[in-house]
Amino acid sequence: MELITEKPVKQFDTSAIAKGNLIYAKHSSWDAGKSGFVTGVNGNEIAVQFHPGIGNVTNHFFILASEAAAGQWEIRWSVDMSEVYEYGITHEEEPVENGGQE
């Protein structure tokens, strides 16, 4: 009997997102997303620091790679706001009136 098994695991690409990046994330159970910055990232999770709107306080939330891969997170992030990357966000096409005919 094998003690160790190999299986594919979904992980974050740490070359795509890094500590200090700006981030907006919304979990499927939340009414609204939160904006903050990445304070830590590894293959399994992203730590995000955000301001909860209470005085001089900051807080954290964690994005698990397994949850992101399962479609539970909508994520936007940027290094310098010149280019914004997205993950898990679906863009609905606006309906075209008259089937595109004038």
PDB file of N, CA and C in Angstrom:
ATOM      1  N   MET A   1       0.848  -1.173   0.000  1.00  0.00           N
ATOM      2  CA  MET A   1       0.000   0.000   0.000  1.00  0.00           C
ATOM      3  C   MET A   1       0.890   1.230   0.000  1.00  0.00           C
ATOM      4  N   GLU A   2       0.539   2.214  -0.848  1.00  0.00           N
ATOM      5  CA  GLU A   2       1.314   3.450  -0.971  1.00  0.00           C
ATOM      6  C   GLU A   2       0.946   4.428   0.138  1.00  0.00           C
ATOM      7  N   LEU A   3       1.951   5.062   0.705  1.00  0.00           N
ATOM      8  CA  LEU A   3       1.724   6.081   1.726  1.00  0.00           C
ATOM      9  C   LEU A   3       1.559   7.459   1.097  1.00  0.00           C
ATOM     10  N   ILE A   4       2.286   7.711   0.034  1.00  0.00           N
ATOM     11  CA  ILE A   4       2.236   8.989  -0.667  1.00  0.00           C
ATOM     12  C   ILE A   4       1.626   8.765  -2.041  1.00  0.00           C
ATOM     13  N   THR A   5       0.689   9.612  -2.403  1.00  0.00           N
ATOM     14  CA  THR A   5       0.105   9.522  -3.736  1.00  0.00           C
ATOM     15  C   THR A   5       0.334  10.830  -4.470  1.00  0.00           C
ATOM     16  N   GLU A   6       0.437  10.740  -5.757  1.00  0.00           N
ATOM     17  CA  GLU A   6       0.573  11.928  -6.588  1.00  0.00           C
ATOM     18  C   GLU A   6      -0.767  12.212  -7.235  1.00  0.00           C
ATOM     19  N   LYS A   7      -1.169  13.484  -7.198  1.00  0.00           N
ATOM     20  CA  LYS A   7      -2.383  13.881  -7.889  1.00  0.00           C
ATOM     21  C   LYS A   7      -2.241  15.324  -8.323  1.00  0.00           C
ATOM     22  N   PRO A   8      -2.857  15.668  -9.441  1.00  0.00           N
ATOM     23  CA  PRO A   8      -2.769  17.059  -9.899  1.00  0.00           C
ATOM     24  C   PRO A   8      -3.553  17.977  -8.958  1.00  0.00           C
ATOM     25  N   VAL A   9      -2.960  19.120  -8.663  1.00  0.00           N
ATOM     26  CA  VAL A   9      -3.579  20.094  -7.767  1.00  0.00           C
ATOM     27  C   VAL A   9      -3.535  21.454  -8.449  1.00  0.00           C
ATOM     28  N   LYS A  10      -4.639  22.172  -8.422  1.00  0.00           N
ATOM     29  CA  LYS A  10      -4.675  23.524  -8.977  1.00  0.00           C
ATOM     30  C   LYS A  10      -4.000  24.462  -7.988  1.00  0.00           C
ATOM     31  N   GLN A  11      -3.052  25.268  -8.488  1.00  0.00           N
ATOM     32  CA  GLN A  11      -2.336  26.218  -7.645  1.00  0.00           C
ATOM     33  C   GLN A  11      -2.239  27.560  -8.353  1.00  0.00           C
ATOM     34  N   PHE A  12      -2.009  28.619  -7.553  1.00  0.00           N
ATOM     35  CA  PHE A  12      -1.790  29.936  -8.127  1.00  0.00           C
ATOM     36  C   PHE A  12      -0.432  29.986  -8.807  1.00  0.00           C
ATOM     37  N   ASP A  13      -0.361  30.697  -9.916  1.00  0.00           N
ATOM     38  CA  ASP A  13       0.900  30.950 -10.603  1.00  0.00           C
ATOM     39  C   ASP A  13       1.543  32.155  -9.926  1.00  0.00           C
ATOM     40  N   THR A  14       2.555  31.924  -9.119  1.00  0.00           N
ATOM     41  CA  THR A  14       3.177  33.005  -8.349  1.00  0.00           C
ATOM     42  C   THR A  14       3.987  33.960  -9.219  1.00  0.00           C
ATOM     43  N   SER A  15       4.136  33.652 -10.500  1.00  0.00           N
ATOM     44  CA  SER A  15       4.782  34.613 -11.397  1.00  0.00           C
ATOM     45  C   SER A  15       3.752  35.592 -11.974  1.00  0.00           C
ATOM     46  N   ALA A  16       2.454  35.296 -11.801  1.00  0.00           N
ATOM     47  CA  ALA A  16       1.400  36.151 -12.344  1.00  0.00           C
ATOM     48  C   ALA A  16       0.899  37.184 -11.340  1.00  0.00           C
ATOM     49  N   ILE A  17       1.013  36.895 -10.049  1.00  0.00           N
ATOM     50  CA  ILE A  17       0.545  37.808  -9.006  1.00  0.00           C
ATOM     51  C   ILE A  17       1.563  37.798  -7.876  1.00  0.00           C
ATOM     52  N   ALA A  18       1.813  38.969  -7.298  1.00  0.00           N
ATOM     53  CA  ALA A  18       2.876  39.058  -6.300  1.00  0.00           C
ATOM     54  C   ALA A  18       2.489  39.991  -5.157  1.00  0.00           C
ATOM     55  N   LYS A  19       3.246  39.903  -4.103  1.00  0.00           N
ATOM     56  CA  LYS A  19       3.082  40.781  -2.949  1.00  0.00           C
ATOM     57  C   LYS A  19       3.163  42.233  -3.416  1.00  0.00           C
ATOM     58  N   GLY A  20       2.217  43.053  -2.953  1.00  0.00           N
ATOM     59  CA  GLY A  20       2.179  44.457  -3.328  1.00  0.00           C
ATOM     60  C   GLY A  20       1.231  44.777  -4.466  1.00  0.00           C
ATOM     61  N   ASN A  21       0.746  43.756  -5.194  1.00  0.00           N
ATOM     62  CA  ASN A  21      -0.215  44.002  -6.276  1.00  0.00           C
ATOM     63  C   ASN A  21      -1.535  44.498  -5.705  1.00  0.00           C
ATOM     64  N   LEU A  22      -2.192  45.370  -6.455  1.00  0.00           N
ATOM     65  CA  LEU A  22      -3.534  45.812  -6.093  1.00  0.00           C
ATOM     66  C   LEU A  22      -4.510  44.721  -6.500  1.00  0.00           C
ATOM     67  N   ILE A  23      -5.561  44.529  -5.698  1.00  0.00           N
ATOM     68  CA  ILE A  23      -6.485  43.434  -5.982  1.00  0.00           C
ATOM     69  C   ILE A  23      -7.904  43.809  -5.577  1.00  0.00           C
ATOM     70  N   TYR A  24      -8.851  43.325  -6.360  1.00  0.00           N
ATOM     71  CA  TYR A  24     -10.274  43.376  -6.022  1.00  0.00           C
ATOM     72  C   TYR A  24     -10.752  41.936  -6.098  1.00  0.00           C
ATOM     73  N   ALA A  25     -11.439  41.472  -5.071  1.00  0.00           N
ATOM     74  CA  ALA A  25     -11.924  40.097  -5.079  1.00  0.00           C
ATOM     75  C   ALA A  25     -13.314  40.028  -4.465  1.00  0.00           C
ATOM     76  N   LYS A  26     -14.119  39.130  -5.017  1.00  0.00           N
ATOM     77  CA  LYS A  26     -15.466  38.911  -4.495  1.00  0.00           C
ATOM     78  C   LYS A  26     -15.721  37.418  -4.428  1.00  0.00           C
ATOM     79  N   HIS A  27     -16.014  36.937  -3.219  1.00  0.00           N
ATOM     80  CA  HIS A  27     -16.378  35.535  -3.034  1.00  0.00           C
ATOM     81  C   HIS A  27     -17.847  35.372  -3.402  1.00  0.00           C
ATOM     82  N   SER A  28     -18.218  34.220  -3.869  1.00  0.00           N
ATOM     83  CA  SER A  28     -19.600  33.987  -4.302  1.00  0.00           C
ATOM     84  C   SER A  28     -20.611  34.147  -3.170  1.00  0.00           C
ATOM     85  N   SER A  29     -20.174  34.064  -1.920  1.00  0.00           N
ATOM     86  CA  SER A  29     -21.090  34.217  -0.787  1.00  0.00           C
ATOM     87  C   SER A  29     -21.223  35.671  -0.321  1.00  0.00           C
ATOM     88  N   TRP A  30     -20.439  36.590  -0.896  1.00  0.00           N
ATOM     89  CA  TRP A  30     -20.463  37.997  -0.490  1.00  0.00           C
ATOM     90  C   TRP A  30     -21.410  38.791  -1.378  1.00  0.00           C
ATOM     91  N   ASP A  31     -22.000  39.844  -0.789  1.00  0.00           N
ATOM     92  CA  ASP A  31     -22.836  40.757  -1.573  1.00  0.00           C
ATOM     93  C   ASP A  31     -21.987  41.681  -2.439  1.00  0.00           C
ATOM     94  N   ALA A  32     -20.829  42.078  -1.918  1.00  0.00           N
ATOM     95  CA  ALA A  32     -19.938  42.998  -2.635  1.00  0.00           C
ATOM     96  C   ALA A  32     -18.497  42.546  -2.446  1.00  0.00           C
ATOM     97  N   GLY A  33     -17.656  42.899  -3.410  1.00  0.00           N
ATOM     98  CA  GLY A  33     -16.249  42.553  -3.323  1.00  0.00           C
ATOM     99  C   GLY A  33     -15.484  43.514  -2.434  1.00  0.00           C
ATOM    100  N   LYS A  34     -14.215  43.191  -2.206  1.00  0.00           N
ATOM    101  CA  LYS A  34     -13.342  44.023  -1.389  1.00  0.00           C
ATOM    102  C   LYS A  34     -12.077  44.338  -2.181  1.00  0.00           C
ATOM    103  N   SER A  35     -11.596  45.571  -2.028  1.00  0.00           N
ATOM    104  CA  SER A  35     -10.359  46.002  -2.670  1.00  0.00           C
ATOM    105  C   SER A  35      -9.266  46.090  -1.630  1.00  0.00           C
ATOM    106  N   GLY A  36      -8.056  45.743  -2.028  1.00  0.00           N
ATOM    107  CA  GLY A  36      -6.929  45.819  -1.112  1.00  0.00           C
ATOM    108  C   GLY A  36      -5.643  45.593  -1.865  1.00  0.00           C
ATOM    109  N   PHE A  37      -4.653  45.084  -1.141  1.00  0.00           N
ATOM    110  CA  PHE A  37      -3.408  44.734  -1.806  1.00  0.00           C
ATOM    111  C   PHE A  37      -2.899  43.409  -1.280  1.00  0.00           C
ATOM    112  N   VAL A  38      -2.169  42.715  -2.132  1.00  0.00           N
ATOM    113  CA  VAL A  38      -1.655  41.388  -1.810  1.00  0.00           C
ATOM    114  C   VAL A  38      -0.529  41.525  -0.802  1.00  0.00           C
ATOM    115  N   THR A  39      -0.663  40.831   0.329  1.00  0.00           N
ATOM    116  CA  THR A  39       0.394  40.850   1.343  1.00  0.00           C
ATOM    117  C   THR A  39       1.181  39.549   1.365  1.00  0.00           C
ATOM    118  N   GLY A  40       0.693  38.546   0.678  1.00  0.00           N
ATOM    119  CA  GLY A  40       1.407  37.281   0.605  1.00  0.00           C
ATOM    120  C   GLY A  40       0.765  36.394  -0.442  1.00  0.00           C
ATOM    121  N   VAL A  41       1.578  35.614  -1.105  1.00  0.00           N
ATOM    122  CA  VAL A  41       1.048  34.687  -2.104  1.00  0.00           C
ATOM    123  C   VAL A  41       1.942  33.460  -2.169  1.00  0.00           C
ATOM    124  N   ASN A  42       1.303  32.298  -2.223  1.00  0.00           N
ATOM    125  CA  ASN A  42       2.009  31.052  -2.501  1.00  0.00           C
ATOM    126  C   ASN A  42       1.092  30.228  -3.398  1.00  0.00           C
ATOM    127  N   GLY A  43       1.464  29.048  -3.705  1.00  0.00           N
ATOM    128  CA  GLY A  43       0.667  28.242  -4.619  1.00  0.00           C
ATOM    129  C   GLY A  43      -0.735  27.952  -4.136  1.00  0.00           C
ATOM    130  N   ASN A  44      -0.934  27.935  -2.820  1.00  0.00           N
ATOM    131  CA  ASN A  44      -2.223  27.541  -2.262  1.00  0.00           C
ATOM    132  C   ASN A  44      -3.149  28.683  -1.891  1.00  0.00           C
ATOM    133  N   GLU A  45      -2.591  29.867  -1.568  1.00  0.00           N
ATOM    134  CA  GLU A  45      -3.456  30.959  -1.143  1.00  0.00           C
ATOM    135  C   GLU A  45      -2.847  32.326  -1.418  1.00  0.00           C
ATOM    136  N   ILE A  46      -3.740  33.309  -1.518  1.00  0.00           N
ATOM    137  CA  ILE A  46      -3.356  34.714  -1.625  1.00  0.00           C
ATOM    138  C   ILE A  46      -3.899  35.408  -0.386  1.00  0.00           C
ATOM    139  N   ALA A  47      -3.052  36.135   0.327  1.00  0.00           N
ATOM    140  CA  ALA A  47      -3.474  36.927   1.482  1.00  0.00           C
ATOM    141  C   ALA A  47      -3.672  38.361   1.018  1.00  0.00           C
ATOM    142  N   VAL A  48      -4.820  38.940   1.369  1.00  0.00           N
ATOM    143  CA  VAL A  48      -5.168  40.293   0.942  1.00  0.00           C
ATOM    144  C   VAL A  48      -5.449  41.153   2.168  1.00  0.00           C
ATOM    145  N   GLN A  49      -4.803  42.307   2.235  1.00  0.00           N
ATOM    146  CA  GLN A  49      -5.074  43.272   3.301  1.00  0.00           C
ATOM    147  C   GLN A  49      -6.016  44.329   2.746  1.00  0.00           C
ATOM    148  N   PHE A  50      -7.052  44.671   3.522  1.00  0.00           N
ATOM    149  CA  PHE A  50      -8.015  45.674   3.076  1.00  0.00           C
ATOM    150  C   PHE A  50      -8.430  46.548   4.244  1.00  0.00           C
ATOM    151  N   HIS A  51      -9.001  47.698   3.926  1.00  0.00           N
ATOM    152  CA  HIS A  51      -9.493  48.630   4.946  1.00  0.00           C
ATOM    153  C   HIS A  51     -10.991  48.400   5.104  1.00  0.00           C
ATOM    154  N   PRO A  52     -11.447  47.972   6.296  1.00  0.00           N
ATOM    155  CA  PRO A  52     -12.866  47.666   6.470  1.00  0.00           C
ATOM    156  C   PRO A  52     -13.745  48.886   6.721  1.00  0.00           C
ATOM    157  N   GLY A  53     -13.156  50.081   6.728  1.00  0.00           N
ATOM    158  CA  GLY A  53     -13.943  51.288   6.928  1.00  0.00           C
ATOM    159  C   GLY A  53     -14.133  51.672   8.384  1.00  0.00           C
ATOM    160  N   ILE A  54     -13.345  51.088   9.273  1.00  0.00           N
ATOM    161  CA  ILE A  54     -13.440  51.392  10.700  1.00  0.00           C
ATOM    162  C   ILE A  54     -12.148  52.071  11.130  1.00  0.00           C
ATOM    163  N   GLY A  55     -12.170  53.382  11.244  1.00  0.00           N
ATOM    164  CA  GLY A  55     -11.027  54.130  11.768  1.00  0.00           C
ATOM    165  C   GLY A  55      -9.694  53.727  11.186  1.00  0.00           C
ATOM    166  N   ASN A  56      -8.748  53.507  12.060  1.00  0.00           N
ATOM    167  CA  ASN A  56      -7.376  53.208  11.682  1.00  0.00           C
ATOM    168  C   ASN A  56      -7.122  51.701  11.766  1.00  0.00           C
ATOM    169  N   VAL A  57      -7.982  50.915  11.113  1.00  0.00           N
ATOM    170  CA  VAL A  57      -7.951  49.459  11.217  1.00  0.00           C
ATOM    171  C   VAL A  57      -7.745  48.860   9.826  1.00  0.00           C
ATOM    172  N   THR A  58      -7.015  47.760   9.755  1.00  0.00           N
ATOM    173  CA  THR A  58      -6.933  46.978   8.521  1.00  0.00           C
ATOM    174  C   THR A  58      -7.311  45.545   8.845  1.00  0.00           C
ATOM    175  N   ASN A  59      -7.678  44.801   7.843  1.00  0.00           N
ATOM    176  CA  ASN A  59      -8.073  43.419   8.031  1.00  0.00           C
ATOM    177  C   ASN A  59      -7.562  42.607   6.846  1.00  0.00           C
ATOM    178  N   HIS A  60      -7.676  41.299   6.926  1.00  0.00           N
ATOM    179  CA  HIS A  60      -7.205  40.408   5.871  1.00  0.00           C
ATOM    180  C   HIS A  60      -8.298  39.420   5.475  1.00  0.00           C
ATOM    181  N   PHE A  61      -8.239  38.972   4.242  1.00  0.00           N
ATOM    182  CA  PHE A  61      -8.984  37.790   3.833  1.00  0.00           C
ATOM    183  C   PHE A  61      -8.058  36.957   2.963  1.00  0.00           C
ATOM    184  N   PHE A  62      -8.400  35.696   2.805  1.00  0.00           N
ATOM    185  CA  PHE A  62      -7.549  34.762   2.079  1.00  0.00           C
ATOM    186  C   PHE A  62      -8.324  34.140   0.925  1.00  0.00           C
ATOM    187  N   ILE A  63      -7.674  34.071  -0.217  1.00  0.00           N
ATOM    188  CA  ILE A  63      -8.250  33.441  -1.399  1.00  0.00           C
ATOM    189  C   ILE A  63      -7.535  32.107  -1.578  1.00  0.00           C
ATOM    190  N   LEU A  64      -8.271  31.018  -1.454  1.00  0.00           N
ATOM    191  CA  LEU A  64      -7.682  29.695  -1.631  1.00  0.00           C
ATOM    192  C   LEU A  64      -7.713  29.303  -3.105  1.00  0.00           C
ATOM    193  N   ALA A  65      -6.634  28.712  -3.579  1.00  0.00           N
ATOM    194  CA  ALA A  65      -6.547  28.302  -4.982  1.00  0.00           C
ATOM    195  C   ALA A  65      -7.643  27.302  -5.326  1.00  0.00           C
ATOM    196  N   SER A  66      -7.943  26.398  -4.412  1.00  0.00           N
ATOM    197  CA  SER A  66      -8.980  25.396  -4.670  1.00  0.00           C
ATOM    198  C   SER A  66     -10.347  26.053  -4.853  1.00  0.00           C
ATOM    199  N   GLU A  67     -10.640  27.111  -4.075  1.00  0.00           N
ATOM    200  CA  GLU A  67     -11.911  27.823  -4.213  1.00  0.00           C
ATOM    201  C   GLU A  67     -11.955  28.628  -5.509  1.00  0.00           C
ATOM    202  N   ALA A  68     -10.838  29.267  -5.856  1.00  0.00           N
ATOM    203  CA  ALA A  68     -10.780  30.035  -7.103  1.00  0.00           C
ATOM    204  C   ALA A  68     -10.970  29.108  -8.303  1.00  0.00           C
ATOM    205  N   ALA A  69     -10.328  27.955  -8.276  1.00  0.00           N
ATOM    206  CA  ALA A  69     -10.450  26.990  -9.373  1.00  0.00           C
ATOM    207  C   ALA A  69     -11.867  26.444  -9.480  1.00  0.00           C
ATOM    208  N   ALA A  70     -12.587  26.409  -8.353  1.00  0.00           N
ATOM    209  CA  ALA A  70     -13.968  25.916  -8.340  1.00  0.00           C
ATOM    210  C   ALA A  70     -14.971  26.995  -8.738  1.00  0.00           C
ATOM    211  N   GLY A  71     -14.484  28.202  -9.069  1.00  0.00           N
ATOM    212  CA  GLY A  71     -15.360  29.272  -9.522  1.00  0.00           C
ATOM    213  C   GLY A  71     -16.018  30.075  -8.417  1.00  0.00           C
ATOM    214  N   GLN A  72     -15.490  30.001  -7.192  1.00  0.00           N
ATOM    215  CA  GLN A  72     -16.089  30.720  -6.070  1.00  0.00           C
ATOM    216  C   GLN A  72     -15.601  32.156  -5.938  1.00  0.00           C
ATOM    217  N   TRP A  73     -14.589  32.550  -6.703  1.00  0.00           N
ATOM    218  CA  TRP A  73     -14.013  33.896  -6.598  1.00  0.00           C
ATOM    219  C   TRP A  73     -14.021  34.608  -7.939  1.00  0.00           C
ATOM    220  N   GLU A  74     -14.309  35.912  -7.895  1.00  0.00           N
ATOM    221  CA  GLU A  74     -14.076  36.818  -9.018  1.00  0.00           C
ATOM    222  C   GLU A  74     -12.903  37.688  -8.594  1.00  0.00           C
ATOM    223  N   ILE A  75     -11.854  37.730  -9.404  1.00  0.00           N
ATOM    224  CA  ILE A  75     -10.626  38.422  -9.005  1.00  0.00           C
ATOM    225  C   ILE A  75     -10.151  39.335 -10.128  1.00  0.00           C
ATOM    226  N   ARG A  76      -9.781  40.552  -9.759  1.00  0.00           N
ATOM    227  CA  ARG A  76      -9.086  41.485 -10.655  1.00  0.00           C
ATOM    228  C   ARG A  76      -7.834  41.928  -9.919  1.00  0.00           C
ATOM    229  N   TRP A  77      -6.705  42.016 -10.629  1.00  0.00           N
ATOM    230  CA  TRP A  77      -5.486  42.485  -9.982  1.00  0.00           C
ATOM    231  C   TRP A  77      -4.624  43.243 -10.972  1.00  0.00           C
ATOM    232  N   SER A  78      -3.721  44.063 -10.423  1.00  0.00           N
ATOM    233  CA  SER A  78      -2.852  44.879 -11.259  1.00  0.00           C
ATOM    234  C   SER A  78      -1.560  45.183 -10.518  1.00  0.00           C
ATOM    235  N   VAL A  79      -0.489  45.293 -11.276  1.00  0.00           N
ATOM    236  CA  VAL A  79       0.794  45.695 -10.706  1.00  0.00           C
ATOM    237  C   VAL A  79       0.825  47.207 -10.542  1.00  0.00           C
ATOM    238  N   ASP A  80       0.387  47.945 -11.574  1.00  0.00           N
ATOM    239  CA  ASP A  80       0.496  49.408 -11.554  1.00  0.00           C
ATOM    240  C   ASP A  80      -0.731  50.112 -12.137  1.00  0.00           C
ATOM    241  N   MET A  81      -1.826  49.437 -12.285  1.00  0.00           N
ATOM    242  CA  MET A  81      -3.086  49.946 -12.826  1.00  0.00           C
ATOM    243  C   MET A  81      -3.023  50.302 -14.311  1.00  0.00           C
ATOM    244  N   SER A  82      -1.896  50.083 -14.976  1.00  0.00           N
ATOM    245  CA  SER A  82      -1.852  50.316 -16.416  1.00  0.00           C
ATOM    246  C   SER A  82      -2.478  49.133 -17.158  1.00  0.00           C
ATOM    247  N   GLU A  83      -2.441  47.971 -16.554  1.00  0.00           N
ATOM    248  CA  GLU A  83      -3.079  46.784 -17.112  1.00  0.00           C
ATOM    249  C   GLU A  83      -3.718  46.018 -15.962  1.00  0.00           C
ATOM    250  N   VAL A  84      -4.991  45.677 -16.130  1.00  0.00           N
ATOM    251  CA  VAL A  84      -5.732  44.961 -15.093  1.00  0.00           C
ATOM    252  C   VAL A  84      -6.026  43.552 -15.604  1.00  0.00           C
ATOM    253  N   TYR A  85      -5.691  42.555 -14.801  1.00  0.00           N
ATOM    254  CA  TYR A  85      -5.914  41.156 -15.146  1.00  0.00           C
ATOM    255  C   TYR A  85      -7.163  40.662 -14.431  1.00  0.00           C
ATOM    256  N   GLU A  86      -7.833  39.670 -15.003  1.00  0.00           N
ATOM    257  CA  GLU A  86      -9.057  39.138 -14.421  1.00  0.00           C
ATOM    258  C   GLU A  86      -9.002  37.623 -14.364  1.00  0.00           C
ATOM    259  N   TYR A  87      -9.681  37.077 -13.354  1.00  0.00           N
ATOM    260  CA  TYR A  87      -9.850  35.629 -13.244  1.00  0.00           C
ATOM    261  C   TYR A  87     -11.240  35.354 -12.680  1.00  0.00           C
ATOM    262  N   GLY A  88     -11.951  34.450 -13.291  1.00  0.00           N
ATOM    263  CA  GLY A  88     -13.248  34.030 -12.778  1.00  0.00           C
ATOM    264  C   GLY A  88     -14.372  35.006 -13.026  1.00  0.00           C
ATOM    265  N   ILE A  89     -14.159  35.977 -13.903  1.00  0.00           N
ATOM    266  CA  ILE A  89     -15.178  36.981 -14.192  1.00  0.00           C
ATOM    267  C   ILE A  89     -15.731  36.711 -15.582  1.00  0.00           C
ATOM    268  N   THR A  90     -17.042  36.534 -15.649  1.00  0.00           N
ATOM    269  CA  THR A  90     -17.673  36.310 -16.941  1.00  0.00           C
ATOM    270  C   THR A  90     -18.311  37.607 -17.402  1.00  0.00           C
ATOM    271  N   HIS A  91     -18.100  37.927 -18.637  1.00  0.00           N
ATOM    272  CA  HIS A  91     -18.657  39.141 -19.227  1.00  0.00           C
ATOM    273  C   HIS A  91     -19.860  38.747 -20.068  1.00  0.00           C
ATOM    274  N   GLU A  92     -21.025  39.202 -19.637  1.00  0.00           N
ATOM    275  CA  GLU A  92     -22.233  38.907 -20.392  1.00  0.00           C
ATOM    276  C   GLU A  92     -22.326  39.866 -21.572  1.00  0.00           C
ATOM    277  N   GLU A  93     -22.629  39.312 -22.720  1.00  0.00           N
ATOM    278  CA  GLU A  93     -22.776  40.150 -23.906  1.00  0.00           C
ATOM    279  C   GLU A  93     -24.119  40.859 -23.848  1.00  0.00           C
ATOM    280  N   GLU A  94     -24.107  42.137 -24.213  1.00  0.00           N
ATOM    281  CA  GLU A  94     -25.351  42.894 -24.240  1.00  0.00           C
ATOM    282  C   GLU A  94     -26.162  42.464 -25.455  1.00  0.00           C
ATOM    283  N   PRO A  95     -27.479  42.319 -25.275  1.00  0.00           N
ATOM    284  CA  PRO A  95     -28.301  41.902 -26.420  1.00  0.00           C
ATOM    285  C   PRO A  95     -28.307  42.969 -27.514  1.00  0.00           C
ATOM    286  N   VAL A  96     -28.281  42.512 -28.739  1.00  0.00           N
ATOM    287  CA  VAL A  96     -28.305  43.420 -29.885  1.00  0.00           C
ATOM    288  C   VAL A  96     -29.743  43.509 -30.370  1.00  0.00           C
ATOM    289  N   GLU A  97     -30.257  44.734 -30.441  1.00  0.00           N
ATOM    290  CA  GLU A  97     -31.633  44.919 -30.900  1.00  0.00           C
ATOM    291  C   GLU A  97     -31.731  44.636 -32.391  1.00  0.00           C
ATOM    292  N   ASN A  98     -32.849  44.097 -32.820  1.00  0.00           N
ATOM    293  CA  ASN A  98     -33.132  43.792 -34.228  1.00  0.00           C
ATOM    294  C   ASN A  98     -32.111  42.832 -34.822  1.00  0.00           C
ATOM    295  N   GLY A  99     -31.493  42.015 -33.996  1.00  0.00           N
ATOM    296  CA  GLY A  99     -30.542  41.040 -34.510  1.00  0.00           C
ATOM    297  C   GLY A  99     -29.362  41.659 -35.214  1.00  0.00           C
ATOM    298  N   GLY A 100     -29.024  42.906 -34.885  1.00  0.00           N
ATOM    299  CA  GLY A 100     -27.902  43.583 -35.512  1.00  0.00           C
ATOM    300  C   GLY A 100     -28.270  44.261 -36.820  1.00  0.00           C
ATOM    301  N   GLN A 101     -29.543  44.147 -37.237  1.00  0.00           N
ATOM    302  CA  GLN A 101     -30.008  44.761 -38.482  1.00  0.00           C
ATOM    303  C   GLN A 101     -30.573  46.140 -38.186  1.00  0.00           C
ATOM    304  N   GLU A 102     -30.419  47.057 -39.108  1.00  0.00           N
ATOM    305  CA  GLU A 102     -30.978  48.407 -38.946  1.00  0.00           C
ATOM    306  C   GLU A 102     -32.234  48.550 -39.736  1.00  0.00           C
TER     307      GLU A 102
END
